[in-house]
Amino acid sequence: MTTPTNIAPKDIQTYFAKYQGDKYVEGWASLWDSDNLPWDRGFPNPALEDTLIQRAGTIGRPIVQDGQRRKALVPGCGRGVDVLLLASFGYDAYGLEYSATAVDACKKEEKENHSRYRVRDEKVGEGKVTFVQGDFFDDTWLREIGVPRNGFDVIYDYTFFSALNPELRPKWALRHTELLAPSPAGNLICLEFPRHKDPLAPGPPFASPSEAYMEHLSHPGEKISYNDKGLVNADPLRESSKAGLERVEYWQPERTHTVGQGENGAIHDRVSIWRRRD
């Protein structure tokens, strides 16, 4: 495996051209191994924090009536900052990364910067933090942490969808139906980014307009066609598949990372919440 050195964000697409299909995980692992992290912001997106506060009525409380803590998953969690934020709200939070180096970085972040993530409600307390190495599409890591399929009450996807080659999007959507708890307990939170990018521009990150989330999550595992402009061929009259997720909330966040804003500060990002239809 070729180890990159000092890859500028503008060159990331050229680098990932060597890692097609399922080999994409090797590309990300190589970046971690070289400590080359052009996407790392160093702190959680404020849109997630606002969502956990403002949409608590939709997502549900971190502790259920029997006293059990609900489980939250962050696939492709980076340095684990979102995992630590979720734990500070009271969820037992799990961060998944393919790279062993990334998992080590997560544990280092927890050890050195835990104090940044204050407990939000002393009555609720802090949830457990677990970082695990594994392939999102494989069940090995689930067995390692002792969580069954459909065992996560909250899943947070920020830059994971946009990091994947669009060819993997049907597989990405299907996997969420395998991990998310039944409705209404299970909620998939998608921070949709980058919505404003030219759909024909190379990635990662790949352009991720809201219509792409809608088509793929409504028809998980199914091939979704894209037109010559790089946009999904959305059919508003097409019914969702039986296993499709339902979008229950959708809005423009008040705050987000600057990379999700225009030059004038206009917010391009959107947040959506999805549930199984069972």
C-alpha atoms as a PDB file:
ATOM      1  CA  MET A   1       0.000   0.000   0.000  1.00  0.00           C
ATOM      2  CA  THR A   2       1.338   3.411  -0.948  1.00  0.00           C
ATOM      3  CA  THR A   3       1.495   5.813   1.963  1.00  0.00           C
ATOM      4  CA  PRO A   4       0.723   9.427   0.998  1.00  0.00           C
ATOM      5  CA  THR A   5       2.555  12.427   2.380  1.00  0.00           C
ATOM      6  CA  ASN A   6       1.176  15.923   2.796  1.00  0.00           C
ATOM      7  CA  ILE A   7      -1.881  15.571   0.574  1.00  0.00           C
ATOM      8  CA  ALA A   8      -3.609  18.897   0.081  1.00  0.00           C
ATOM      9  CA  PRO A   9      -7.431  18.867   0.176  1.00  0.00           C
ATOM     10  CA  LYS A  10      -7.548  19.744  -3.526  1.00  0.00           C
ATOM     11  CA  ASP A  11      -5.478  16.618  -4.334  1.00  0.00           C
ATOM     12  CA  ILE A  12      -7.563  14.199  -2.315  1.00  0.00           C
ATOM     13  CA  GLN A  13      -9.637  13.150  -5.341  1.00  0.00           C
ATOM     14  CA  THR A  14      -6.539  12.139  -7.306  1.00  0.00           C
ATOM     15  CA  TYR A  15      -5.313  10.097  -4.353  1.00  0.00           C
ATOM     16  CA  PHE A  16      -8.601   8.211  -3.953  1.00  0.00           C
ATOM     17  CA  ALA A  17      -8.736   7.324  -7.638  1.00  0.00           C
ATOM     18  CA  LYS A  18      -6.399   4.464  -6.660  1.00  0.00           C
ATOM     19  CA  TYR A  19      -8.930   3.042  -4.206  1.00  0.00           C
ATOM     20  CA  GLN A  20     -12.062   2.056  -6.076  1.00  0.00           C
ATOM     21  CA  GLY A  21     -15.113   0.137  -4.816  1.00  0.00           C
ATOM     22  CA  ASP A  22     -14.727  -1.639  -1.492  1.00  0.00           C
ATOM     23  CA  LYS A  23     -11.040  -0.676  -1.377  1.00  0.00           C
ATOM     24  CA  TYR A  24     -12.039   2.842  -0.315  1.00  0.00           C
ATOM     25  CA  VAL A  25     -11.426   1.836   3.321  1.00  0.00           C
ATOM     26  CA  GLU A  26      -7.767   1.155   2.514  1.00  0.00           C
ATOM     27  CA  GLY A  27      -7.454   4.710   1.232  1.00  0.00           C
ATOM     28  CA  TRP A  28      -8.798   6.216   4.424  1.00  0.00           C
ATOM     29  CA  ALA A  29      -6.644   3.912   6.542  1.00  0.00           C
ATOM     30  CA  SER A  30      -3.554   4.994   4.614  1.00  0.00           C
ATOM     31  CA  LEU A  31      -4.341   8.648   5.292  1.00  0.00           C
ATOM     32  CA  TRP A  32      -4.640   7.911   9.000  1.00  0.00           C
ATOM     33  CA  ASP A  33      -1.391   5.980   9.023  1.00  0.00           C
ATOM     34  CA  SER A  34       0.414   8.977   7.492  1.00  0.00           C
ATOM     35  CA  ASP A  35      -1.297  11.430   9.880  1.00  0.00           C
ATOM     36  CA  ASN A  36      -2.685  13.216   6.836  1.00  0.00           C
ATOM     37  CA  LEU A  37      -6.165  14.409   7.827  1.00  0.00           C
ATOM     38  CA  PRO A  38      -7.336  17.220   5.539  1.00  0.00           C
ATOM     39  CA  TRP A  39     -10.978  16.722   6.588  1.00  0.00           C
ATOM     40  CA  ASP A  40     -10.444  16.907  10.355  1.00  0.00           C
ATOM     41  CA  ARG A  41     -12.135  19.922  12.029  1.00  0.00           C
ATOM     42  CA  GLY A  42     -11.078  19.023  15.570  1.00  0.00           C
ATOM     43  CA  PHE A  43     -14.488  19.555  17.216  1.00  0.00           C
ATOM     44  CA  PRO A  44     -18.109  18.418  16.721  1.00  0.00           C
ATOM     45  CA  ASN A  45     -20.321  20.119  14.215  1.00  0.00           C
ATOM     46  CA  PRO A  46     -22.526  22.520  16.202  1.00  0.00           C
ATOM     47  CA  ALA A  47     -25.496  21.332  14.156  1.00  0.00           C
ATOM     48  CA  LEU A  48     -25.323  17.991  15.978  1.00  0.00           C
ATOM     49  CA  GLU A  49     -25.277  19.670  19.385  1.00  0.00           C
ATOM     50  CA  ASP A  50     -28.279  21.808  18.439  1.00  0.00           C
ATOM     51  CA  THR A  51     -30.108  18.749  17.105  1.00  0.00           C
ATOM     52  CA  LEU A  52     -29.643  16.827  20.346  1.00  0.00           C
ATOM     53  CA  ILE A  53     -31.059  19.785  22.285  1.00  0.00           C
ATOM     54  CA  GLN A  54     -33.763  21.108  19.990  1.00  0.00           C
ATOM     55  CA  ARG A  55     -35.049  17.792  18.593  1.00  0.00           C
ATOM     56  CA  ALA A  56     -34.928  15.768  21.797  1.00  0.00           C
ATOM     57  CA  GLY A  57     -38.659  15.220  21.503  1.00  0.00           C
ATOM     58  CA  THR A  58     -38.124  13.385  18.222  1.00  0.00           C
ATOM     59  CA  ILE A  59     -34.926  11.533  19.090  1.00  0.00           C
ATOM     60  CA  GLY A  60     -35.980  10.587  22.611  1.00  0.00           C
ATOM     61  CA  ARG A  61     -34.199  10.743  25.949  1.00  0.00           C
ATOM     62  CA  PRO A  62     -30.840   9.000  26.456  1.00  0.00           C
ATOM     63  CA  ILE A  63     -32.269   6.781  29.195  1.00  0.00           C
ATOM     64  CA  VAL A  64     -35.452   4.766  28.775  1.00  0.00           C
ATOM     65  CA  GLN A  65     -37.986   3.989  31.495  1.00  0.00           C
ATOM     66  CA  ASP A  66     -36.272   0.794  32.625  1.00  0.00           C
ATOM     67  CA  GLY A  67     -33.084   2.769  33.311  1.00  0.00           C
ATOM     68  CA  GLN A  68     -31.142   1.407  30.338  1.00  0.00           C
ATOM     69  CA  ARG A  69     -29.052   3.841  28.341  1.00  0.00           C
ATOM     70  CA  ARG A  70     -29.812   4.064  24.653  1.00  0.00           C
ATOM     71  CA  LYS A  71     -27.027   3.308  22.183  1.00  0.00           C
ATOM     72  CA  ALA A  72     -25.650   5.775  19.621  1.00  0.00           C
ATOM     73  CA  LEU A  73     -23.330   4.938  16.718  1.00  0.00           C
ATOM     74  CA  VAL A  74     -21.048   7.198  14.668  1.00  0.00           C
ATOM     75  CA  PRO A  75     -19.668   5.329  11.619  1.00  0.00           C
ATOM     76  CA  GLY A  76     -16.416   6.767  10.287  1.00  0.00           C
ATOM     77  CA  CYS A  77     -16.082   8.745  13.507  1.00  0.00           C
ATOM     78  CA  GLY A  78     -12.692  10.364  12.783  1.00  0.00           C
ATOM     79  CA  ARG A  79     -11.066  11.461  16.048  1.00  0.00           C
ATOM     80  CA  GLY A  80     -14.238  10.578  17.934  1.00  0.00           C
ATOM     81  CA  VAL A  81     -15.375  14.082  18.821  1.00  0.00           C
ATOM     82  CA  ASP A  82     -19.018  13.346  17.924  1.00  0.00           C
ATOM     83  CA  VAL A  83     -18.904  10.163  19.984  1.00  0.00           C
ATOM     84  CA  LEU A  84     -17.717  12.110  23.012  1.00  0.00           C
ATOM     85  CA  LEU A  85     -20.452  14.693  22.472  1.00  0.00           C
ATOM     86  CA  LEU A  86     -23.155  12.009  22.341  1.00  0.00           C
ATOM     87  CA  ALA A  87     -21.803  10.443  25.539  1.00  0.00           C
ATOM     88  CA  SER A  88     -21.921  13.842  27.250  1.00  0.00           C
ATOM     89  CA  PHE A  89     -25.663  13.899  26.531  1.00  0.00           C
ATOM     90  CA  GLY A  90     -26.046  10.499  28.229  1.00  0.00           C
ATOM     91  CA  TYR A  91     -25.961   7.990  25.363  1.00  0.00           C
ATOM     92  CA  ASP A  92     -23.747   4.932  25.393  1.00  0.00           C
ATOM     93  CA  ALA A  93     -21.796   6.061  22.350  1.00  0.00           C
ATOM     94  CA  TYR A  94     -19.870   3.904  19.897  1.00  0.00           C
ATOM     95  CA  GLY A  95     -17.388   5.166  17.334  1.00  0.00           C
ATOM     96  CA  LEU A  96     -16.464   2.949  14.371  1.00  0.00           C
ATOM     97  CA  GLU A  97     -13.319   3.331  12.292  1.00  0.00           C
ATOM     98  CA  TYR A  98     -11.626   0.979   9.827  1.00  0.00           C
ATOM     99  CA  SER A  99      -8.120   2.124  10.749  1.00  0.00           C
ATOM    100  CA  ALA A 100      -6.386   0.986  13.934  1.00  0.00           C
ATOM    101  CA  THR A 101      -4.493   4.284  13.876  1.00  0.00           C
ATOM    102  CA  ALA A 102      -7.816   6.143  13.858  1.00  0.00           C
ATOM    103  CA  VAL A 103      -9.075   4.181  16.860  1.00  0.00           C
ATOM    104  CA  ASP A 104      -5.873   5.049  18.721  1.00  0.00           C
ATOM    105  CA  ALA A 105      -6.443   8.720  17.832  1.00  0.00           C
ATOM    106  CA  CYS A 106      -9.983   8.478  19.240  1.00  0.00           C
ATOM    107  CA  LYS A 107      -8.744   7.069  22.526  1.00  0.00           C
ATOM    108  CA  LYS A 108      -6.115   9.797  22.696  1.00  0.00           C
ATOM    109  CA  GLU A 109      -8.779  12.460  22.105  1.00  0.00           C
ATOM    110  CA  GLU A 110     -10.884  11.003  24.906  1.00  0.00           C
ATOM    111  CA  LYS A 111      -7.943  10.910  27.306  1.00  0.00           C
ATOM    112  CA  GLU A 112      -6.573  14.387  26.554  1.00  0.00           C
ATOM    113  CA  ASN A 113      -9.738  16.386  25.880  1.00  0.00           C
ATOM    114  CA  HIS A 114     -12.483  14.686  27.872  1.00  0.00           C
ATOM    115  CA  SER A 115     -13.007  17.844  29.920  1.00  0.00           C
ATOM    116  CA  ARG A 116     -14.245  19.676  26.813  1.00  0.00           C
ATOM    117  CA  TYR A 117     -17.367  17.524  26.792  1.00  0.00           C
ATOM    118  CA  ARG A 118     -19.252  18.521  29.907  1.00  0.00           C
ATOM    119  CA  VAL A 119     -22.123  16.389  31.142  1.00  0.00           C
ATOM    120  CA  ARG A 120     -25.288  18.080  29.922  1.00  0.00           C
ATOM    121  CA  ASP A 121     -27.664  16.786  32.581  1.00  0.00           C
ATOM    122  CA  GLU A 122     -26.347  15.617  35.940  1.00  0.00           C
ATOM    123  CA  LYS A 123     -29.507  13.573  36.512  1.00  0.00           C
ATOM    124  CA  VAL A 124     -28.875  11.682  33.284  1.00  0.00           C
ATOM    125  CA  GLY A 125     -25.119  11.496  33.680  1.00  0.00           C
ATOM    126  CA  GLU A 126     -22.552  10.495  31.106  1.00  0.00           C
ATOM    127  CA  GLY A 127     -22.791   7.512  28.812  1.00  0.00           C
ATOM    128  CA  LYS A 128     -20.108   4.940  28.124  1.00  0.00           C
ATOM    129  CA  VAL A 129     -17.659   5.569  25.267  1.00  0.00           C
ATOM    130  CA  THR A 130     -16.508   2.695  23.060  1.00  0.00           C
ATOM    131  CA  PHE A 131     -14.254   2.924  20.028  1.00  0.00           C
ATOM    132  CA  VAL A 132     -14.036  -0.107  17.767  1.00  0.00           C
ATOM    133  CA  GLN A 133     -12.103  -0.995  14.641  1.00  0.00           C
ATOM    134  CA  GLY A 134     -14.033  -2.605  11.811  1.00  0.00           C
ATOM    135  CA  ASP A 135     -15.677  -2.426   8.418  1.00  0.00           C
ATOM    136  CA  PHE A 136     -19.079  -0.719   8.515  1.00  0.00           C
ATOM    137  CA  PHE A 137     -20.489  -3.323   6.110  1.00  0.00           C
ATOM    138  CA  ASP A 138     -19.330  -6.339   8.122  1.00  0.00           C
ATOM    139  CA  ASP A 139     -20.801  -7.725  11.375  1.00  0.00           C
ATOM    140  CA  THR A 140     -17.509  -8.639  13.046  1.00  0.00           C
ATOM    141  CA  TRP A 141     -17.296  -5.379  15.004  1.00  0.00           C
ATOM    142  CA  LEU A 142     -20.890  -5.789  16.199  1.00  0.00           C
ATOM    143  CA  ARG A 143     -20.015  -9.126  17.760  1.00  0.00           C
ATOM    144  CA  GLU A 144     -16.920  -7.588  19.331  1.00  0.00           C
ATOM    145  CA  ILE A 145     -18.905  -4.923  21.176  1.00  0.00           C
ATOM    146  CA  GLY A 146     -21.842  -7.211  21.946  1.00  0.00           C
ATOM    147  CA  VAL A 147     -24.504  -5.227  20.093  1.00  0.00           C
ATOM    148  CA  PRO A 148     -26.978  -7.117  17.869  1.00  0.00           C
ATOM    149  CA  ARG A 149     -28.203  -6.008  14.495  1.00  0.00           C
ATOM    150  CA  ASN A 150     -30.859  -3.297  14.767  1.00  0.00           C
ATOM    151  CA  GLY A 151     -29.395  -2.463  18.169  1.00  0.00           C
ATOM    152  CA  PHE A 152     -28.658   1.260  17.760  1.00  0.00           C
ATOM    153  CA  ASP A 153     -31.196   3.861  18.838  1.00  0.00           C
ATOM    154  CA  VAL A 154     -29.286   6.762  17.263  1.00  0.00           C
ATOM    155  CA  ILE A 155     -26.950   6.704  14.261  1.00  0.00           C
ATOM    156  CA  TYR A 156     -25.209   9.894  13.198  1.00  0.00           C
ATOM    157  CA  ASP A 157     -23.907  10.309   9.655  1.00  0.00           C
ATOM    158  CA  TYR A 158     -22.083  13.498   8.754  1.00  0.00           C
ATOM    159  CA  THR A 159     -19.236  12.963   6.293  1.00  0.00           C
ATOM    160  CA  PHE A 160     -19.545   9.188   5.893  1.00  0.00           C
ATOM    161  CA  PHE A 161     -22.130   9.272   3.089  1.00  0.00           C
ATOM    162  CA  SER A 162     -20.182  11.884   1.150  1.00  0.00           C
ATOM    163  CA  ALA A 163     -16.883  10.025   1.663  1.00  0.00           C
ATOM    164  CA  LEU A 164     -18.156   6.914  -0.098  1.00  0.00           C
ATOM    165  CA  ASN A 165     -18.007   6.462  -3.836  1.00  0.00           C
ATOM    166  CA  PRO A 166     -21.635   6.871  -5.020  1.00  0.00           C
ATOM    167  CA  GLU A 167     -21.523   3.267  -6.255  1.00  0.00           C
ATOM    168  CA  LEU A 168     -21.593   2.214  -2.591  1.00  0.00           C
ATOM    169  CA  ARG A 169     -24.613   4.306  -1.657  1.00  0.00           C
ATOM    170  CA  PRO A 170     -27.183   1.508  -2.107  1.00  0.00           C
ATOM    171  CA  LYS A 171     -25.083  -0.675   0.200  1.00  0.00           C
ATOM    172  CA  TRP A 172     -24.753   2.240   2.680  1.00  0.00           C
ATOM    173  CA  ALA A 173     -28.531   2.706   2.837  1.00  0.00           C
ATOM    174  CA  LEU A 174     -29.221  -1.012   3.228  1.00  0.00           C
ATOM    175  CA  ARG A 175     -26.707  -1.257   6.061  1.00  0.00           C
ATOM    176  CA  HIS A 176     -28.568   1.402   8.047  1.00  0.00           C
ATOM    177  CA  THR A 177     -31.724  -0.724   7.903  1.00  0.00           C
ATOM    178  CA  GLU A 178     -29.655  -3.535   9.469  1.00  0.00           C
ATOM    179  CA  LEU A 179     -28.263  -1.396  12.293  1.00  0.00           C
ATOM    180  CA  LEU A 180     -31.103   0.951  13.241  1.00  0.00           C
ATOM    181  CA  ALA A 181     -33.539  -0.024  16.002  1.00  0.00           C
ATOM    182  CA  PRO A 182     -37.255  -0.305  15.153  1.00  0.00           C
ATOM    183  CA  SER A 183     -39.400   2.825  14.998  1.00  0.00           C
ATOM    184  CA  PRO A 184     -39.931   5.069  16.863  1.00  0.00           C
ATOM    185  CA  ALA A 185     -36.913   4.319  19.067  1.00  0.00           C
ATOM    186  CA  GLY A 186     -34.396   4.202  16.213  1.00  0.00           C
ATOM    187  CA  ASN A 187     -33.401   7.507  14.598  1.00  0.00           C
ATOM    188  CA  LEU A 188     -30.804   8.060  11.879  1.00  0.00           C
ATOM    189  CA  ILE A 189     -29.516  11.652  11.936  1.00  0.00           C
ATOM    190  CA  CYS A 190     -27.982  12.780   8.645  1.00  0.00           C
ATOM    191  CA  LEU A 191     -26.123  16.071   8.457  1.00  0.00           C
ATOM    192  CA  GLU A 192     -26.317  16.484   4.698  1.00  0.00           C
ATOM    193  CA  PHE A 193     -23.046  17.758   3.236  1.00  0.00           C
ATOM    194  CA  PRO A 194     -21.884  18.920   0.730  1.00  0.00           C
ATOM    195  CA  ARG A 195     -25.216  19.863  -0.839  1.00  0.00           C
ATOM    196  CA  HIS A 196     -23.776  22.833  -2.744  1.00  0.00           C
ATOM    197  CA  LYS A 197     -20.966  21.006  -4.557  1.00  0.00           C
ATOM    198  CA  ASP A 198     -21.074  20.506  -8.340  1.00  0.00           C
ATOM    199  CA  PRO A 199     -22.560  16.998  -8.760  1.00  0.00           C
ATOM    200  CA  LEU A 200     -20.118  16.278 -11.583  1.00  0.00           C
ATOM    201  CA  ALA A 201     -17.052  17.287  -9.561  1.00  0.00           C
ATOM    202  CA  PRO A 202     -14.855  14.420  -8.345  1.00  0.00           C
ATOM    203  CA  GLY A 203     -14.769  13.336  -4.726  1.00  0.00           C
ATOM    204  CA  PRO A 204     -14.439  12.673  -1.902  1.00  0.00           C
ATOM    205  CA  PRO A 205     -16.318  14.431  -0.627  1.00  0.00           C
ATOM    206  CA  PHE A 206     -18.883  13.611  -3.296  1.00  0.00           C
ATOM    207  CA  ALA A 207     -21.781  15.975  -3.883  1.00  0.00           C
ATOM    208  CA  SER A 208     -24.630  14.949  -1.581  1.00  0.00           C
ATOM    209  CA  PRO A 209     -27.840  16.844  -2.293  1.00  0.00           C
ATOM    210  CA  SER A 210     -30.897  16.086  -0.211  1.00  0.00           C
ATOM    211  CA  GLU A 211     -32.518  14.259  -3.127  1.00  0.00           C
ATOM    212  CA  ALA A 212     -29.720  11.667  -3.026  1.00  0.00           C
ATOM    213  CA  TYR A 213     -30.386  10.889   0.655  1.00  0.00           C
ATOM    214  CA  MET A 214     -34.101  10.649  -0.080  1.00  0.00           C
ATOM    215  CA  GLU A 215     -33.786   8.242  -2.999  1.00  0.00           C
ATOM    216  CA  HIS A 216     -31.227   5.940  -1.428  1.00  0.00           C
ATOM    217  CA  LEU A 217     -32.743   5.744   2.058  1.00  0.00           C
ATOM    218  CA  SER A 218     -36.246   5.279   0.627  1.00  0.00           C
ATOM    219  CA  HIS A 219     -34.977   2.417  -1.552  1.00  0.00           C
ATOM    220  CA  PRO A 220     -32.093   0.792   0.361  1.00  0.00           C
ATOM    221  CA  GLY A 221     -30.022  -1.696  -1.583  1.00  0.00           C
ATOM    222  CA  GLU A 222     -31.602  -0.714  -4.885  1.00  0.00           C
ATOM    223  CA  LYS A 223     -29.716   0.820  -7.789  1.00  0.00           C
ATOM    224  CA  ILE A 224     -30.565   4.517  -8.104  1.00  0.00           C
ATOM    225  CA  SER A 225     -30.002   6.121 -11.478  1.00  0.00           C
ATOM    226  CA  TYR A 226     -28.237   9.456 -11.929  1.00  0.00           C
ATOM    227  CA  ASN A 227     -28.634  11.735 -14.954  1.00  0.00           C
ATOM    228  CA  ASP A 228     -25.915  13.289 -17.097  1.00  0.00           C
ATOM    229  CA  LYS A 229     -25.773  16.250 -14.676  1.00  0.00           C
ATOM    230  CA  GLY A 230     -24.835  13.993 -11.784  1.00  0.00           C
ATOM    231  CA  LEU A 231     -28.208  14.292 -10.051  1.00  0.00           C
ATOM    232  CA  VAL A 232     -30.476  11.433  -9.003  1.00  0.00           C
ATOM    233  CA  ASN A 233     -33.447  10.736 -11.221  1.00  0.00           C
ATOM    234  CA  ALA A 234     -35.996  11.355  -8.496  1.00  0.00           C
ATOM    235  CA  ASP A 235     -39.551  10.193  -9.119  1.00  0.00           C
ATOM    236  CA  PRO A 236     -41.958  11.788  -6.612  1.00  0.00           C
ATOM    237  CA  LEU A 237     -44.632   9.218  -7.522  1.00  0.00           C
ATOM    238  CA  ARG A 238     -42.408   6.216  -6.864  1.00  0.00           C
ATOM    239  CA  GLU A 239     -43.334   4.468  -3.640  1.00  0.00           C
ATOM    240  CA  SER A 240     -40.718   3.688  -1.036  1.00  0.00           C
ATOM    241  CA  SER A 241     -39.622   0.094  -0.806  1.00  0.00           C
ATOM    242  CA  LYS A 242     -40.874  -2.065   2.067  1.00  0.00           C
ATOM    243  CA  ALA A 243     -37.505  -1.788   3.819  1.00  0.00           C
ATOM    244  CA  GLY A 244     -37.160   1.916   3.055  1.00  0.00           C
ATOM    245  CA  LEU A 245     -36.602   4.479   5.782  1.00  0.00           C
ATOM    246  CA  GLU A 246     -39.004   7.363   6.306  1.00  0.00           C
ATOM    247  CA  ARG A 247     -37.836  10.942   6.708  1.00  0.00           C
ATOM    248  CA  VAL A 248     -39.616  12.318   9.758  1.00  0.00           C
ATOM    249  CA  GLU A 249     -37.835  15.694  10.069  1.00  0.00           C
ATOM    250  CA  TYR A 250     -35.846  17.965   7.763  1.00  0.00           C
ATOM    251  CA  TRP A 251     -34.525  21.473   8.362  1.00  0.00           C
ATOM    252  CA  GLN A 252     -31.762  24.015   7.858  1.00  0.00           C
ATOM    253  CA  PRO A 253     -29.536  24.153  10.945  1.00  0.00           C
ATOM    254  CA  GLU A 254     -28.841  27.480  12.619  1.00  0.00           C
ATOM    255  CA  ARG A 255     -25.151  26.599  12.948  1.00  0.00           C
ATOM    256  CA  THR A 256     -22.718  24.337  11.100  1.00  0.00           C
ATOM    257  CA  HIS A 257     -19.045  24.101  10.206  1.00  0.00           C
ATOM    258  CA  THR A 258     -17.834  26.864   7.886  1.00  0.00           C
ATOM    259  CA  VAL A 259     -17.206  24.293   5.154  1.00  0.00           C
ATOM    260  CA  GLY A 260     -20.996  23.873   4.961  1.00  0.00           C
ATOM    261  CA  GLN A 261     -21.569  27.588   4.412  1.00  0.00           C
ATOM    262  CA  GLY A 262     -21.351  29.890   1.414  1.00  0.00           C
ATOM    263  CA  GLU A 263     -19.057  32.882   1.111  1.00  0.00           C
ATOM    264  CA  ASN A 264     -21.734  35.138   2.568  1.00  0.00           C
ATOM    265  CA  GLY A 265     -22.346  32.834   5.528  1.00  0.00           C
ATOM    266  CA  ALA A 266     -25.461  31.246   4.025  1.00  0.00           C
ATOM    267  CA  ILE A 267     -25.895  27.741   5.405  1.00  0.00           C
ATOM    268  CA  HIS A 268     -26.004  25.063   2.709  1.00  0.00           C
ATOM    269  CA  ASP A 269     -26.169  22.064   5.045  1.00  0.00           C
ATOM    270  CA  ARG A 270     -29.426  20.407   6.045  1.00  0.00           C
ATOM    271  CA  VAL A 271     -30.298  17.965   8.809  1.00  0.00           C
ATOM    272  CA  SER A 272     -32.681  15.068   8.328  1.00  0.00           C
ATOM    273  CA  ILE A 273     -33.967  12.381  10.710  1.00  0.00           C
ATOM    274  CA  TRP A 274     -35.002   8.962   9.421  1.00  0.00           C
ATOM    275  CA  ARG A 275     -36.854   5.973  10.894  1.00  0.00           C
ATOM    276  CA  ARG A 276     -37.734   2.470   9.867  1.00  0.00           C
ATOM    277  CA  ARG A 277     -41.326   2.030   8.732  1.00  0.00           C
ATOM    278  CA  ASP A 278     -42.071  -0.921  11.052  1.00  0.00           C
END
